[in-house]
Amino acid sequence: MEGLEKIKKAIEKKDKKMKCGDFEWEVNYFDVDGKIKVDLFSDIAEKIVFKCIKYLTYDDQSNKRKISINQMRKFYNEILNYQIQINSISYKEKKLQKFRELLPLIKMEKAKANIAYQKKNMNTNFKRFIDKNIDYIVEGYDKDLEKSLEKFTIFVSLFEAVIAYAKGVINEN
């Protein structure tokens, strides 16, 4: 039984990783002290754009999949809209309740990303960026909803930084 648990944890850890060429990032917003990583909104966000989102896999090239800054903004605006709804509430318990109500819609962003990917409006690595971050946010929400809300808030800022780095790098379409 113990061996099975180790295998399960190894698979979970691997599933959190976003690998693009020579860049590999384990989706985790916190350092060992539980603080937001100092380089999350700078170096990491920049690498996500230049080494992942801009990078087209063989599948992307052969299937003519691409990503535009407008498509990226569309996803960012939807995520930002959820944050605005949550932040419009001042009481902590009500804010957590609103976040819990929005979680299915937040998770649905993965399905929307899949549709865009199938329509060839999104490349593989941007889809991974959406999928991995949303999985990270909702992980353990049933045990610690407050932590999931904190991760969601950080994701919105990370996404904003990614959009900022992508401006001028990713084609306008």
N, C-alpha and C. Protein backbone atom coordinates (compact mmCIF):
# COMPACT_ATOMS: atom_id res chain seq x y z
N MET A 1 0.82 -1.20 0.00
CA MET A 1 0.00 0.00 0.00
C MET A 1 0.87 1.26 0.00
N GLU A 2 1.97 1.22 0.75
CA GLU A 2 2.86 2.37 0.85
C GLU A 2 3.49 2.68 -0.51
N GLY A 3 3.87 1.66 -1.25
CA GLY A 3 4.46 1.84 -2.58
C GLY A 3 3.48 2.49 -3.54
N LEU A 4 2.20 2.12 -3.43
CA LEU A 4 1.16 2.70 -4.27
C LEU A 4 0.99 4.19 -3.99
N GLU A 5 1.07 4.56 -2.73
CA GLU A 5 0.97 5.97 -2.35
C GLU A 5 2.12 6.79 -2.93
N LYS A 6 3.35 6.22 -2.91
CA LYS A 6 4.50 6.91 -3.48
C LYS A 6 4.32 7.13 -4.98
N ILE A 7 3.82 6.12 -5.67
CA ILE A 7 3.58 6.22 -7.11
C ILE A 7 2.52 7.28 -7.39
N LYS A 8 1.45 7.26 -6.60
CA LYS A 8 0.38 8.24 -6.76
C LYS A 8 0.89 9.67 -6.57
N LYS A 9 1.72 9.88 -5.54
CA LYS A 9 2.29 11.21 -5.29
C LYS A 9 3.22 11.64 -6.41
N ALA A 10 4.00 10.71 -6.94
CA ALA A 10 4.91 11.02 -8.05
C ALA A 10 4.12 11.44 -9.29
N ILE A 11 3.02 10.74 -9.55
CA ILE A 11 2.17 11.08 -10.70
C ILE A 11 1.55 12.45 -10.49
N GLU A 12 1.05 12.73 -9.28
CA GLU A 12 0.45 14.03 -8.99
C GLU A 12 1.46 15.14 -9.18
N LYS A 13 2.70 14.92 -8.70
CA LYS A 13 3.75 15.93 -8.83
C LYS A 13 4.07 16.16 -10.31
N LYS A 14 4.16 15.09 -11.09
CA LYS A 14 4.44 15.21 -12.52
C LYS A 14 3.32 15.96 -13.21
N ASP A 15 2.08 15.70 -12.82
CA ASP A 15 0.93 16.36 -13.44
C ASP A 15 0.91 17.86 -13.18
N LYS A 16 1.59 18.33 -12.14
CA LYS A 16 1.64 19.75 -11.83
C LYS A 16 2.68 20.48 -12.67
N LYS A 17 3.55 19.73 -13.34
CA LYS A 17 4.64 20.35 -14.08
C LYS A 17 4.18 20.77 -15.47
N MET A 18 4.68 21.93 -15.85
CA MET A 18 4.46 22.45 -17.19
C MET A 18 5.82 22.44 -17.87
N LYS A 19 5.97 21.60 -18.88
CA LYS A 19 7.26 21.45 -19.55
C LYS A 19 7.12 21.94 -20.98
N CYS A 20 8.02 22.87 -21.33
CA CYS A 20 8.05 23.43 -22.67
C CYS A 20 9.50 23.51 -23.12
N GLY A 21 9.89 22.66 -24.03
CA GLY A 21 11.29 22.66 -24.46
C GLY A 21 12.22 22.45 -23.28
N ASP A 22 13.11 23.40 -23.06
CA ASP A 22 14.06 23.28 -21.94
C ASP A 22 13.56 23.95 -20.66
N PHE A 23 12.36 24.49 -20.69
CA PHE A 23 11.79 25.15 -19.51
C PHE A 23 10.77 24.22 -18.85
N GLU A 24 10.93 24.03 -17.56
CA GLU A 24 10.00 23.20 -16.80
C GLU A 24 9.62 23.96 -15.54
N TRP A 25 8.32 24.08 -15.30
CA TRP A 25 7.84 24.80 -14.15
C TRP A 25 6.79 23.97 -13.43
N GLU A 26 7.05 23.70 -12.16
CA GLU A 26 6.04 23.04 -11.35
C GLU A 26 5.08 24.11 -10.90
N VAL A 27 3.82 23.98 -11.27
CA VAL A 27 2.83 25.00 -10.94
C VAL A 27 2.68 25.05 -9.43
N ASN A 28 3.30 26.06 -8.86
CA ASN A 28 3.28 26.30 -7.42
C ASN A 28 3.64 27.77 -7.25
N TYR A 29 2.76 28.52 -6.63
CA TYR A 29 2.96 29.95 -6.49
C TYR A 29 3.75 30.33 -5.25
N PHE A 30 4.03 29.37 -4.38
CA PHE A 30 4.60 29.68 -3.07
C PHE A 30 6.01 29.14 -2.91
N ASP A 31 6.82 29.87 -2.15
CA ASP A 31 8.17 29.39 -1.82
C ASP A 31 8.10 28.49 -0.60
N VAL A 32 9.23 28.05 -0.10
CA VAL A 32 9.26 27.11 1.03
C VAL A 32 8.69 27.71 2.31
N ASP A 33 8.67 29.04 2.42
CA ASP A 33 8.12 29.70 3.60
C ASP A 33 6.63 29.99 3.48
N GLY A 34 6.03 29.58 2.36
CA GLY A 34 4.61 29.81 2.17
C GLY A 34 4.28 31.19 1.63
N LYS A 35 5.27 31.94 1.24
CA LYS A 35 5.09 33.28 0.66
C LYS A 35 5.05 33.15 -0.86
N ILE A 36 4.43 34.15 -1.50
CA ILE A 36 4.39 34.15 -2.97
C ILE A 36 5.82 34.25 -3.48
N LYS A 37 6.16 33.41 -4.44
CA LYS A 37 7.51 33.43 -5.01
C LYS A 37 7.83 34.83 -5.53
N VAL A 38 8.99 35.32 -5.17
CA VAL A 38 9.41 36.66 -5.54
C VAL A 38 9.43 36.85 -7.06
N ASP A 39 9.83 35.84 -7.79
CA ASP A 39 9.97 35.96 -9.24
C ASP A 39 8.76 35.46 -10.04
N LEU A 40 7.64 35.20 -9.36
CA LEU A 40 6.47 34.64 -10.04
C LEU A 40 5.94 35.56 -11.13
N PHE A 41 5.79 36.84 -10.82
CA PHE A 41 5.19 37.78 -11.76
C PHE A 41 6.22 38.42 -12.69
N SER A 42 7.47 38.07 -12.53
CA SER A 42 8.51 38.62 -13.39
C SER A 42 9.17 37.51 -14.18
N ASP A 43 10.20 36.90 -13.63
CA ASP A 43 10.98 35.90 -14.37
C ASP A 43 10.14 34.71 -14.83
N ILE A 44 9.33 34.18 -13.93
CA ILE A 44 8.53 32.99 -14.29
C ILE A 44 7.50 33.35 -15.36
N ALA A 45 6.80 34.48 -15.17
CA ALA A 45 5.80 34.91 -16.17
C ALA A 45 6.46 35.14 -17.53
N GLU A 46 7.64 35.74 -17.52
CA GLU A 46 8.35 36.00 -18.77
C GLU A 46 8.74 34.68 -19.45
N LYS A 47 9.23 33.72 -18.68
CA LYS A 47 9.59 32.41 -19.24
C LYS A 47 8.37 31.68 -19.77
N ILE A 48 7.25 31.81 -19.09
CA ILE A 48 6.01 31.18 -19.57
C ILE A 48 5.68 31.69 -20.97
N VAL A 49 5.86 32.99 -21.19
CA VAL A 49 5.57 33.55 -22.52
C VAL A 49 6.62 33.13 -23.54
N PHE A 50 7.89 33.38 -23.23
CA PHE A 50 8.94 33.19 -24.23
C PHE A 50 9.30 31.74 -24.47
N LYS A 51 9.17 30.90 -23.45
CA LYS A 51 9.58 29.50 -23.61
C LYS A 51 8.40 28.56 -23.78
N CYS A 52 7.20 29.01 -23.46
CA CYS A 52 6.04 28.12 -23.57
C CYS A 52 5.03 28.62 -24.59
N ILE A 53 4.39 29.73 -24.28
CA ILE A 53 3.28 30.17 -25.11
C ILE A 53 3.74 30.53 -26.52
N LYS A 54 4.90 31.16 -26.64
CA LYS A 54 5.43 31.51 -27.95
C LYS A 54 5.95 30.27 -28.69
N TYR A 55 6.36 29.27 -27.94
CA TYR A 55 6.94 28.05 -28.50
C TYR A 55 5.84 27.17 -29.09
N LEU A 56 5.96 26.82 -30.36
CA LEU A 56 4.98 25.95 -31.00
C LEU A 56 5.50 24.53 -31.06
N THR A 57 4.74 23.60 -30.55
CA THR A 57 5.12 22.20 -30.62
C THR A 57 5.00 21.71 -32.06
N TYR A 58 5.52 20.54 -32.32
CA TYR A 58 5.41 19.95 -33.65
C TYR A 58 3.94 19.82 -34.05
N ASP A 59 3.09 19.41 -33.09
CA ASP A 59 1.66 19.26 -33.35
C ASP A 59 1.05 20.62 -33.72
N ASP A 60 1.47 21.67 -33.02
CA ASP A 60 0.96 23.00 -33.33
C ASP A 60 1.34 23.41 -34.75
N GLN A 61 2.58 23.16 -35.11
CA GLN A 61 3.07 23.55 -36.44
C GLN A 61 2.36 22.77 -37.54
N SER A 62 2.24 21.46 -37.35
CA SER A 62 1.63 20.64 -38.40
C SER A 62 0.12 20.88 -38.51
N ASN A 63 -0.52 21.27 -37.42
CA ASN A 63 -1.97 21.53 -37.44
C ASN A 63 -2.30 23.02 -37.51
N LYS A 64 -1.27 23.84 -37.72
CA LYS A 64 -1.43 25.29 -37.84
C LYS A 64 -2.17 25.90 -36.64
N ARG A 65 -1.84 25.40 -35.46
CA ARG A 65 -2.41 25.98 -34.25
C ARG A 65 -1.60 27.20 -33.86
N LYS A 66 -2.29 28.23 -33.44
CA LYS A 66 -1.61 29.45 -33.04
C LYS A 66 -2.36 30.07 -31.87
N ILE A 67 -1.80 31.10 -31.32
CA ILE A 67 -2.47 31.85 -30.26
C ILE A 67 -2.27 33.32 -30.57
N SER A 68 -3.30 34.10 -30.38
CA SER A 68 -3.19 35.54 -30.57
C SER A 68 -3.31 36.22 -29.21
N ILE A 69 -2.81 37.43 -29.14
CA ILE A 69 -2.93 38.19 -27.89
C ILE A 69 -4.41 38.43 -27.57
N ASN A 70 -5.23 38.58 -28.60
CA ASN A 70 -6.67 38.77 -28.37
C ASN A 70 -7.31 37.53 -27.75
N GLN A 71 -6.90 36.36 -28.21
CA GLN A 71 -7.43 35.11 -27.64
C GLN A 71 -6.97 34.98 -26.18
N MET A 72 -5.73 35.34 -25.93
CA MET A 72 -5.22 35.29 -24.56
C MET A 72 -6.00 36.25 -23.66
N ARG A 73 -6.24 37.45 -24.17
CA ARG A 73 -6.99 38.45 -23.40
C ARG A 73 -8.41 37.98 -23.12
N LYS A 74 -9.01 37.29 -24.08
CA LYS A 74 -10.37 36.78 -23.89
C LYS A 74 -10.43 35.87 -22.65
N PHE A 75 -9.47 34.97 -22.55
CA PHE A 75 -9.44 34.08 -21.38
C PHE A 75 -9.11 34.86 -20.11
N TYR A 76 -8.17 35.78 -20.21
CA TYR A 76 -7.82 36.59 -19.05
C TYR A 76 -9.03 37.39 -18.56
N ASN A 77 -9.77 38.00 -19.48
CA ASN A 77 -10.94 38.81 -19.10
C ASN A 77 -12.01 37.98 -18.41
N GLU A 78 -12.19 36.74 -18.84
CA GLU A 78 -13.17 35.87 -18.18
C GLU A 78 -12.73 35.57 -16.75
N ILE A 79 -11.45 35.25 -16.59
CA ILE A 79 -10.91 34.97 -15.25
C ILE A 79 -11.00 36.23 -14.38
N LEU A 80 -10.63 37.37 -14.94
CA LEU A 80 -10.69 38.63 -14.21
C LEU A 80 -12.12 38.96 -13.79
N ASN A 81 -13.08 38.66 -14.64
CA ASN A 81 -14.48 38.90 -14.31
C ASN A 81 -14.91 38.11 -13.06
N TYR A 82 -14.43 36.89 -12.93
CA TYR A 82 -14.74 36.11 -11.73
C TYR A 82 -14.13 36.78 -10.50
N GLN A 83 -12.91 37.27 -10.64
CA GLN A 83 -12.28 37.93 -9.50
C GLN A 83 -13.04 39.20 -9.10
N ILE A 84 -13.50 39.95 -10.08
CA ILE A 84 -14.28 41.17 -9.80
C ILE A 84 -15.55 40.82 -9.04
N GLN A 85 -16.22 39.75 -9.45
CA GLN A 85 -17.43 39.31 -8.74
C GLN A 85 -17.13 38.95 -7.29
N ILE A 86 -16.01 38.27 -7.08
CA ILE A 86 -15.62 37.87 -5.73
C ILE A 86 -15.23 39.08 -4.90
N ASN A 87 -14.44 39.98 -5.48
CA ASN A 87 -13.95 41.14 -4.74
C ASN A 87 -15.01 42.20 -4.50
N SER A 88 -16.15 42.10 -5.15
CA SER A 88 -17.24 43.05 -4.91
C SER A 88 -17.91 42.79 -3.56
N ILE A 89 -17.55 41.69 -2.93
CA ILE A 89 -18.12 41.31 -1.64
C ILE A 89 -17.08 41.59 -0.56
N SER A 90 -17.52 42.24 0.52
CA SER A 90 -16.54 42.63 1.54
C SER A 90 -16.41 41.62 2.68
N TYR A 91 -17.43 40.88 2.98
CA TYR A 91 -17.36 39.93 4.09
C TYR A 91 -16.67 38.64 3.66
N LYS A 92 -15.73 38.21 4.46
CA LYS A 92 -14.89 37.06 4.12
C LYS A 92 -15.72 35.80 3.84
N GLU A 93 -16.66 35.50 4.70
CA GLU A 93 -17.47 34.28 4.51
C GLU A 93 -18.30 34.34 3.23
N LYS A 94 -18.87 35.48 2.95
CA LYS A 94 -19.66 35.65 1.73
C LYS A 94 -18.75 35.58 0.50
N LYS A 95 -17.53 36.13 0.62
CA LYS A 95 -16.56 36.08 -0.47
C LYS A 95 -16.19 34.64 -0.78
N LEU A 96 -15.96 33.84 0.28
CA LEU A 96 -15.65 32.42 0.09
C LEU A 96 -16.83 31.68 -0.53
N GLN A 97 -18.03 32.04 -0.09
CA GLN A 97 -19.24 31.42 -0.64
C GLN A 97 -19.37 31.74 -2.13
N LYS A 98 -19.10 32.99 -2.50
CA LYS A 98 -19.18 33.38 -3.91
C LYS A 98 -18.12 32.64 -4.73
N PHE A 99 -16.91 32.54 -4.18
CA PHE A 99 -15.85 31.81 -4.87
C PHE A 99 -16.28 30.36 -5.10
N ARG A 100 -16.86 29.73 -4.07
CA ARG A 100 -17.31 28.34 -4.19
C ARG A 100 -18.38 28.21 -5.28
N GLU A 101 -19.27 29.21 -5.36
CA GLU A 101 -20.31 29.20 -6.40
C GLU A 101 -19.71 29.32 -7.80
N LEU A 102 -18.61 30.07 -7.91
CA LEU A 102 -17.98 30.30 -9.21
C LEU A 102 -17.01 29.19 -9.62
N LEU A 103 -16.62 28.34 -8.70
CA LEU A 103 -15.65 27.29 -9.01
C LEU A 103 -16.02 26.44 -10.23
N PRO A 104 -17.27 26.01 -10.37
CA PRO A 104 -17.59 25.24 -11.59
C PRO A 104 -17.36 26.04 -12.87
N LEU A 105 -17.63 27.34 -12.83
CA LEU A 105 -17.41 28.18 -14.01
C LEU A 105 -15.92 28.39 -14.25
N ILE A 106 -15.17 28.52 -13.18
CA ILE A 106 -13.72 28.66 -13.30
C ILE A 106 -13.14 27.39 -13.92
N LYS A 107 -13.61 26.24 -13.44
CA LYS A 107 -13.15 24.96 -14.01
C LYS A 107 -13.58 24.81 -15.47
N MET A 108 -14.70 25.42 -15.82
CA MET A 108 -15.19 25.32 -17.19
C MET A 108 -14.25 26.02 -18.17
N GLU A 109 -13.38 26.88 -17.68
CA GLU A 109 -12.41 27.53 -18.56
C GLU A 109 -11.53 26.49 -19.25
N LYS A 110 -11.31 25.36 -18.59
CA LYS A 110 -10.55 24.28 -19.22
C LYS A 110 -11.29 23.74 -20.44
N ALA A 111 -12.60 23.60 -20.33
CA ALA A 111 -13.41 23.13 -21.47
C ALA A 111 -13.39 24.16 -22.60
N LYS A 112 -13.47 25.44 -22.24
CA LYS A 112 -13.42 26.50 -23.25
C LYS A 112 -12.05 26.51 -23.93
N ALA A 113 -11.01 26.28 -23.16
CA ALA A 113 -9.66 26.20 -23.74
C ALA A 113 -9.59 25.03 -24.71
N ASN A 114 -10.21 23.93 -24.35
CA ASN A 114 -10.21 22.76 -25.22
C ASN A 114 -10.93 23.06 -26.55
N ILE A 115 -12.04 23.77 -26.47
CA ILE A 115 -12.76 24.14 -27.69
C ILE A 115 -11.88 25.01 -28.58
N ALA A 116 -11.24 26.02 -27.98
CA ALA A 116 -10.36 26.90 -28.75
C ALA A 116 -9.20 26.12 -29.35
N TYR A 117 -8.69 25.15 -28.59
CA TYR A 117 -7.60 24.30 -29.08
C TYR A 117 -8.07 23.47 -30.28
N GLN A 118 -9.24 22.88 -30.18
CA GLN A 118 -9.77 22.06 -31.27
C GLN A 118 -10.05 22.89 -32.52
N LYS A 119 -10.43 24.16 -32.32
CA LYS A 119 -10.68 25.06 -33.45
C LYS A 119 -9.38 25.65 -34.00
N LYS A 120 -8.26 25.26 -33.39
CA LYS A 120 -6.92 25.73 -33.78
C LYS A 120 -6.72 27.22 -33.50
N ASN A 121 -7.45 27.73 -32.49
CA ASN A 121 -7.29 29.12 -32.06
C ASN A 121 -6.39 29.22 -30.83
N MET A 122 -5.83 28.12 -30.42
CA MET A 122 -4.98 28.09 -29.23
C MET A 122 -3.91 27.03 -29.44
N ASN A 123 -2.69 27.35 -29.02
CA ASN A 123 -1.64 26.34 -29.14
C ASN A 123 -1.59 25.45 -27.90
N THR A 124 -0.83 24.40 -27.98
CA THR A 124 -0.75 23.38 -26.93
C THR A 124 -0.31 23.96 -25.59
N ASN A 125 0.71 24.79 -25.61
CA ASN A 125 1.27 25.28 -24.35
C ASN A 125 0.39 26.30 -23.64
N PHE A 126 -0.37 27.10 -24.39
CA PHE A 126 -1.31 28.00 -23.72
C PHE A 126 -2.44 27.20 -23.09
N LYS A 127 -2.87 26.15 -23.77
CA LYS A 127 -3.89 25.27 -23.20
C LYS A 127 -3.36 24.64 -21.91
N ARG A 128 -2.11 24.19 -21.94
CA ARG A 128 -1.50 23.63 -20.72
C ARG A 128 -1.45 24.66 -19.60
N PHE A 129 -1.10 25.90 -19.95
CA PHE A 129 -1.06 26.98 -18.96
C PHE A 129 -2.41 27.12 -18.27
N ILE A 130 -3.47 27.16 -19.04
CA ILE A 130 -4.83 27.27 -18.47
C ILE A 130 -5.14 26.02 -17.63
N ASP A 131 -4.96 24.85 -18.20
CA ASP A 131 -5.31 23.59 -17.52
C ASP A 131 -4.55 23.41 -16.21
N LYS A 132 -3.24 23.56 -16.26
CA LYS A 132 -2.41 23.29 -15.07
C LYS A 132 -2.70 24.28 -13.95
N ASN A 133 -2.90 25.55 -14.30
CA ASN A 133 -3.16 26.54 -13.26
C ASN A 133 -4.55 26.36 -12.64
N ILE A 134 -5.53 26.04 -13.44
CA ILE A 134 -6.86 25.82 -12.88
C ILE A 134 -6.87 24.56 -12.02
N ASP A 135 -6.19 23.51 -12.46
CA ASP A 135 -6.07 22.30 -11.63
C ASP A 135 -5.42 22.64 -10.29
N TYR A 136 -4.39 23.47 -10.32
CA TYR A 136 -3.69 23.87 -9.10
C TYR A 136 -4.60 24.66 -8.17
N ILE A 137 -5.42 25.54 -8.73
CA ILE A 137 -6.33 26.35 -7.92
C ILE A 137 -7.37 25.48 -7.21
N VAL A 138 -7.98 24.57 -7.94
CA VAL A 138 -9.09 23.80 -7.36
C VAL A 138 -8.62 22.61 -6.52
N GLU A 139 -7.34 22.29 -6.62
CA GLU A 139 -6.79 21.19 -5.83
C GLU A 139 -7.01 21.46 -4.33
N GLY A 140 -7.71 20.57 -3.68
CA GLY A 140 -7.93 20.66 -2.24
C GLY A 140 -8.93 21.71 -1.80
N TYR A 141 -9.74 22.23 -2.74
CA TYR A 141 -10.70 23.27 -2.37
C TYR A 141 -11.68 22.80 -1.30
N ASP A 142 -12.00 21.51 -1.31
CA ASP A 142 -12.96 20.97 -0.35
C ASP A 142 -12.39 20.93 1.07
N LYS A 143 -11.08 20.96 1.20
CA LYS A 143 -10.44 20.96 2.52
C LYS A 143 -10.06 22.36 2.97
N ASP A 144 -9.69 23.22 2.01
CA ASP A 144 -9.23 24.57 2.35
C ASP A 144 -9.64 25.54 1.25
N LEU A 145 -10.90 25.97 1.32
CA LEU A 145 -11.45 26.88 0.31
C LEU A 145 -10.72 28.21 0.32
N GLU A 146 -10.31 28.66 1.49
CA GLU A 146 -9.59 29.93 1.61
C GLU A 146 -8.26 29.88 0.85
N LYS A 147 -7.54 28.77 0.94
CA LYS A 147 -6.27 28.61 0.22
C LYS A 147 -6.52 28.60 -1.29
N SER A 148 -7.58 27.94 -1.72
CA SER A 148 -7.92 27.92 -3.14
C SER A 148 -8.25 29.33 -3.65
N LEU A 149 -8.94 30.10 -2.84
CA LEU A 149 -9.24 31.49 -3.22
C LEU A 149 -7.95 32.30 -3.31
N GLU A 150 -7.04 32.10 -2.38
CA GLU A 150 -5.75 32.78 -2.43
C GLU A 150 -5.00 32.41 -3.71
N LYS A 151 -5.00 31.12 -4.05
CA LYS A 151 -4.32 30.68 -5.27
C LYS A 151 -4.98 31.29 -6.51
N PHE A 152 -6.31 31.39 -6.49
CA PHE A 152 -7.02 32.00 -7.61
C PHE A 152 -6.61 33.46 -7.78
N THR A 153 -6.55 34.18 -6.69
CA THR A 153 -6.15 35.59 -6.73
C THR A 153 -4.74 35.75 -7.29
N ILE A 154 -3.85 34.88 -6.88
CA ILE A 154 -2.47 34.91 -7.38
C ILE A 154 -2.46 34.57 -8.87
N PHE A 155 -3.26 33.61 -9.28
CA PHE A 155 -3.34 33.23 -10.69
C PHE A 155 -3.77 34.42 -11.55
N VAL A 156 -4.73 35.19 -11.07
CA VAL A 156 -5.18 36.36 -11.84
C VAL A 156 -4.01 37.31 -12.06
N SER A 157 -3.21 37.54 -11.04
CA SER A 157 -2.03 38.41 -11.17
C SER A 157 -0.98 37.80 -12.09
N LEU A 158 -0.77 36.49 -11.97
CA LEU A 158 0.17 35.82 -12.86
C LEU A 158 -0.28 35.94 -14.31
N PHE A 159 -1.55 35.71 -14.54
CA PHE A 159 -2.11 35.80 -15.88
C PHE A 159 -1.93 37.23 -16.42
N GLU A 160 -2.15 38.23 -15.58
CA GLU A 160 -1.95 39.62 -15.98
C GLU A 160 -0.50 39.85 -16.41
N ALA A 161 0.44 39.31 -15.64
CA ALA A 161 1.86 39.45 -15.98
C ALA A 161 2.19 38.74 -17.29
N VAL A 162 1.61 37.57 -17.50
CA VAL A 162 1.81 36.83 -18.76
C VAL A 162 1.30 37.65 -19.94
N ILE A 163 0.12 38.25 -19.79
CA ILE A 163 -0.44 39.09 -20.85
C ILE A 163 0.49 40.27 -21.13
N ALA A 164 1.01 40.88 -20.08
CA ALA A 164 1.92 42.02 -20.24
C ALA A 164 3.18 41.63 -21.00
N TYR A 165 3.76 40.48 -20.67
CA TYR A 165 4.94 40.02 -21.38
C TYR A 165 4.62 39.60 -22.81
N ALA A 166 3.42 39.11 -23.04
CA ALA A 166 3.05 38.62 -24.36
C ALA A 166 2.76 39.77 -25.34
N LYS A 167 2.37 40.92 -24.81
CA LYS A 167 2.06 42.07 -25.68
C LYS A 167 3.28 42.38 -26.53
N GLY A 168 3.10 42.38 -27.82
CA GLY A 168 4.19 42.68 -28.74
C GLY A 168 5.01 41.46 -29.15
N VAL A 169 4.85 40.35 -28.41
CA VAL A 169 5.59 39.13 -28.71
C VAL A 169 4.69 38.15 -29.45
N ILE A 170 3.46 38.06 -28.99
CA ILE A 170 2.46 37.20 -29.61
C ILE A 170 1.73 38.03 -30.66
N ASN A 171 1.48 37.47 -31.81
CA ASN A 171 0.84 38.19 -32.92
C ASN A 171 -0.56 38.64 -32.55
N GLU A 172 -0.91 39.81 -33.05
CA GLU A 172 -2.27 40.32 -32.94
C GLU A 172 -3.10 39.67 -34.04
N ASN A 173 -4.24 39.11 -33.70
CA ASN A 173 -5.14 38.52 -34.70
C ASN A 173 -6.56 38.76 -34.31
